[in-house]
Protein backbone atom coordinates (compact mmCIF):
# COMPACT_ATOMS: atom_id res chain seq x y z
CA UNK A 1 29.47 -10.91 31.80
CA UNK A 2 26.44 -10.22 29.73
CA UNK A 3 24.98 -7.52 27.54
CA UNK A 4 23.38 -5.53 29.81
CA UNK A 5 21.81 -3.56 26.63
CA UNK A 6 19.75 -6.09 25.34
CA UNK A 7 17.78 -6.47 28.25
CA UNK A 8 17.04 -2.46 27.95
CA UNK A 9 16.00 -3.01 24.05
CA UNK A 10 13.79 -5.80 24.56
CA UNK A 11 11.10 -3.95 26.96
CA UNK A 12 8.02 -2.25 26.53
CA UNK A 13 7.79 1.28 28.06
CA UNK A 14 4.94 2.69 28.93
CA UNK A 15 5.20 6.29 30.07
CA UNK A 16 2.37 8.11 32.50
CA UNK A 17 1.44 11.56 32.59
CA UNK A 18 3.22 12.13 35.85
CA UNK A 19 6.53 11.21 34.32
CA UNK A 20 6.72 7.55 35.94
CA UNK A 21 7.68 4.72 33.35
CA UNK A 22 6.35 1.23 33.53
CA UNK A 23 8.25 -1.28 31.84
CA UNK A 24 6.65 -4.22 30.44
CA UNK A 25 8.77 -7.50 29.36
CA UNK A 26 6.12 -9.43 27.59
CA UNK A 27 3.97 -8.19 24.16
CA UNK A 28 0.37 -6.82 25.19
CA UNK A 29 -2.53 -5.85 23.60
CA UNK A 30 -3.56 -1.90 24.57
CA UNK A 31 -6.82 -3.10 25.77
CA UNK A 32 -4.70 -4.79 28.94
CA UNK A 33 -3.12 -1.35 29.92
CA UNK A 34 -6.14 -0.10 29.39
CA UNK A 35 -7.89 -2.47 31.52
CA UNK A 36 -5.43 -1.46 34.25
CA UNK A 37 -5.91 2.06 33.98
CA UNK A 38 -9.07 3.05 33.86
CA UNK A 39 -10.17 6.42 31.44
CA UNK A 40 -6.77 6.36 29.78
CA UNK A 41 -5.69 5.90 26.36
CA UNK A 42 -2.42 4.03 24.81
CA UNK A 43 -0.14 6.28 22.41
CA UNK A 44 2.66 5.47 20.31
CA UNK A 45 4.70 8.47 20.39
CA UNK A 46 7.67 9.12 17.69
CA UNK A 47 10.56 10.88 19.76
CA UNK A 48 12.25 13.80 17.76
CA UNK A 49 14.24 16.79 18.35
CA UNK A 50 10.85 19.46 17.57
CA UNK A 51 7.71 19.02 17.79
CA UNK A 52 5.05 18.74 20.34
CA UNK A 53 6.04 19.07 24.40
CA UNK A 54 3.74 16.47 26.52
CA UNK A 55 4.66 16.65 30.34
CA UNK A 56 5.93 12.76 29.92
CA UNK A 57 9.49 13.09 31.27
CA UNK A 58 12.53 10.45 30.65
CA UNK A 59 14.42 8.50 33.29
CA UNK A 60 16.77 11.39 33.47
CA UNK A 61 14.00 13.98 33.91
CA UNK A 62 14.44 15.56 30.68
CA UNK A 63 11.26 16.60 29.16
CA UNK A 64 11.02 14.17 25.79
CA UNK A 65 9.23 16.16 22.74
CA UNK A 66 7.36 14.02 19.92
CA UNK A 67 6.70 14.58 16.32
CA UNK A 68 4.10 12.57 15.75
CA UNK A 69 1.07 10.99 18.27
CA UNK A 70 -0.87 8.01 17.45
CA UNK A 71 -3.65 6.54 19.40
CA UNK A 72 -3.68 2.77 19.62
CA UNK A 73 -6.88 0.98 18.71
CA UNK A 74 -7.78 -1.89 21.55
CA UNK A 75 -6.67 -5.06 19.90
CA UNK A 76 -3.16 -3.69 18.72
CA UNK A 77 0.09 -5.02 20.13
CA UNK A 78 2.32 -3.12 21.98
CA UNK A 79 5.95 -3.80 20.08
CA UNK A 80 8.90 -4.45 22.15
CA UNK A 81 11.82 -1.75 22.21
CA UNK A 82 8.87 1.01 21.61
CA UNK A 83 7.96 3.44 23.72
CA UNK A 84 4.23 4.27 24.26
CA UNK A 85 2.10 7.34 26.37
CA UNK A 86 -0.69 6.81 28.72
CA UNK A 87 -2.98 9.49 27.91
CA UNK A 88 -6.11 10.70 29.99
CA UNK A 89 -9.19 11.53 27.93
CA UNK A 90 -8.65 15.38 28.16
CA UNK A 91 -5.34 15.02 26.90
CA UNK A 92 -6.73 13.32 23.96
CA UNK A 93 -9.78 15.61 23.53
CA UNK A 94 -7.11 18.35 23.93
CA UNK A 95 -4.84 16.88 21.22
CA UNK A 96 -7.86 16.38 18.66
CA UNK A 97 -8.81 19.89 19.33
CA UNK A 98 -5.37 21.32 18.52
CA UNK A 99 -5.04 19.21 15.39
CA UNK A 100 -8.63 20.57 14.20
CA UNK A 101 -7.38 24.33 14.83
CA UNK A 102 -4.04 23.45 12.85
CA UNK A 103 -6.13 21.69 9.78
CA UNK A 104 -8.47 24.88 10.06
CA UNK A 105 -5.34 27.44 10.26
CA UNK A 106 -3.60 25.86 6.87
CA UNK A 107 -6.91 25.78 5.07
CA UNK A 108 -7.65 29.54 6.09
CA UNK A 109 -3.82 30.28 5.16
CA UNK A 110 -4.27 28.76 1.94
CA UNK A 111 -7.67 30.57 1.05
CA UNK A 112 -6.16 33.64 2.09
CA UNK A 113 -3.25 33.27 -0.37
CA UNK A 114 -5.51 32.24 -3.15
CA UNK A 115 -7.90 35.53 -2.61
CA UNK A 116 -4.48 37.57 -2.53
CA UNK A 117 -3.58 36.03 -5.81
CA UNK A 118 -7.07 36.55 -7.55
CA UNK A 119 -6.93 40.27 -5.93
CA UNK A 120 -3.54 41.24 -7.69
CA UNK A 121 -4.76 39.81 -10.81
CA UNK A 122 -7.68 41.63 -10.81
CA UNK A 123 -5.29 45.10 -10.21
CA UNK A 124 -3.49 43.97 -13.04
CA UNK A 125 -6.28 43.80 -15.32
CA UNK A 126 -7.88 47.11 -14.25
CA UNK A 127 -4.40 49.07 -14.28
CA UNK A 128 -4.14 47.72 -17.85
CA UNK A 129 -7.40 48.70 -19.10
CA UNK A 130 -7.08 52.12 -17.44
CA UNK A 131 -3.87 52.40 -18.85
CA UNK A 132 -5.13 51.61 -22.48
CA UNK A 133 -8.35 54.26 -22.18
CA UNK A 134 -5.30 56.80 -21.19
CA UNK A 135 -3.19 55.94 -24.44
CA UNK A 136 -6.75 55.91 -26.23
CA UNK A 137 -7.30 59.46 -24.85
CA UNK A 138 -4.11 60.72 -25.71
CA UNK A 139 -3.89 59.74 -29.03
CA UNK A 140 -7.47 60.72 -30.12
CA UNK A 141 -6.47 64.28 -28.51
CA UNK A 142 -2.89 63.96 -30.43
CA UNK A 143 -4.58 63.46 -33.79
CA UNK A 144 -7.29 66.08 -33.14
CA UNK A 145 -4.73 68.56 -32.05
CA UNK A 146 -2.52 67.83 -35.35
CA UNK A 147 -5.57 67.83 -37.23
CA UNK A 148 -4.53 64.58 -38.47
CA UNK A 149 -7.34 61.89 -39.33
CA UNK A 150 -5.39 59.40 -41.50
CA UNK A 151 -6.13 55.76 -40.39
CA UNK A 152 -2.58 54.63 -40.95
CA UNK A 153 -1.01 57.49 -38.24
CA UNK A 154 -3.99 55.85 -35.83
CA UNK A 155 -3.16 52.46 -35.90
CA UNK A 156 0.55 53.06 -35.78
CA UNK A 157 -0.20 55.16 -32.60
CA UNK A 158 -2.02 52.48 -31.28
CA UNK A 159 0.65 50.01 -31.63
CA UNK A 160 2.76 52.19 -29.45
CA UNK A 161 0.81 51.94 -26.39
CA UNK A 162 2.97 50.93 -23.39
CA UNK A 163 2.63 47.91 -21.49
CA UNK A 164 2.28 47.81 -17.71
CA UNK A 165 6.15 47.00 -17.73
CA UNK A 166 6.81 50.38 -18.77
CA UNK A 167 5.09 52.16 -16.51
CA UNK A 168 6.97 53.75 -13.61
CA UNK A 169 6.59 52.29 -10.41
CA UNK A 170 5.27 55.19 -8.50
CA UNK A 171 2.75 55.67 -11.09
CA UNK A 172 1.57 51.88 -10.65
CA UNK A 173 1.41 52.73 -6.75
CA UNK A 174 -1.08 55.60 -7.17
CA UNK A 175 -2.82 53.35 -9.69
CA UNK A 176 -3.05 50.66 -7.26
CA UNK A 177 -3.97 52.89 -4.74
CA UNK A 178 -6.96 54.20 -6.85
CA UNK A 179 -8.31 51.21 -7.73
CA UNK A 180 -8.06 50.02 -3.83
CA UNK A 181 -9.69 52.78 -2.69
CA UNK A 182 -12.42 52.80 -5.46
CA UNK A 183 -12.85 48.63 -4.75
CA UNK A 184 -13.15 50.18 -0.90
CA UNK A 185 -15.74 53.08 -1.66
CA UNK A 186 -17.96 50.55 -4.14
CA UNK A 187 -18.42 48.38 -1.03
């Protein structure tokens, strides 16, 4: 009675695009495998429950999901107990394009979020300035109506300015809509 599972762990598994799995019982370089399979590259795959799907399938016919794919250099050794995948040059270029598009998409999302934050800050500043102007006008009109010209009374009224937080929400939304309309009209 031998240890049958030990034999399975001591192999290098190379999966082909068509689903065929090749087993090597000795360590070898990626260059040797690529010489036997022209126009193919050897990639080390990390299996995961989530990630991208490749066309490779396991021995039981189920599709394997991969979290990370790393192309091997020619001089790198294929380690015993690891799973590798033979990829055609088209698959490699497709994978590289997908990675490039993913990086570009992430960078664009970050840039869009930064622009949204800048626009919100700009709108808040404009609302605060407009709020200040409205309060200055009302305080000047109130002082003109009452006939008061006392500087101390004017200072007290200026100190009682409402902040943007004290303005009710519907009014804020109307002001934001006006500011957006003005910004669009200016461009």
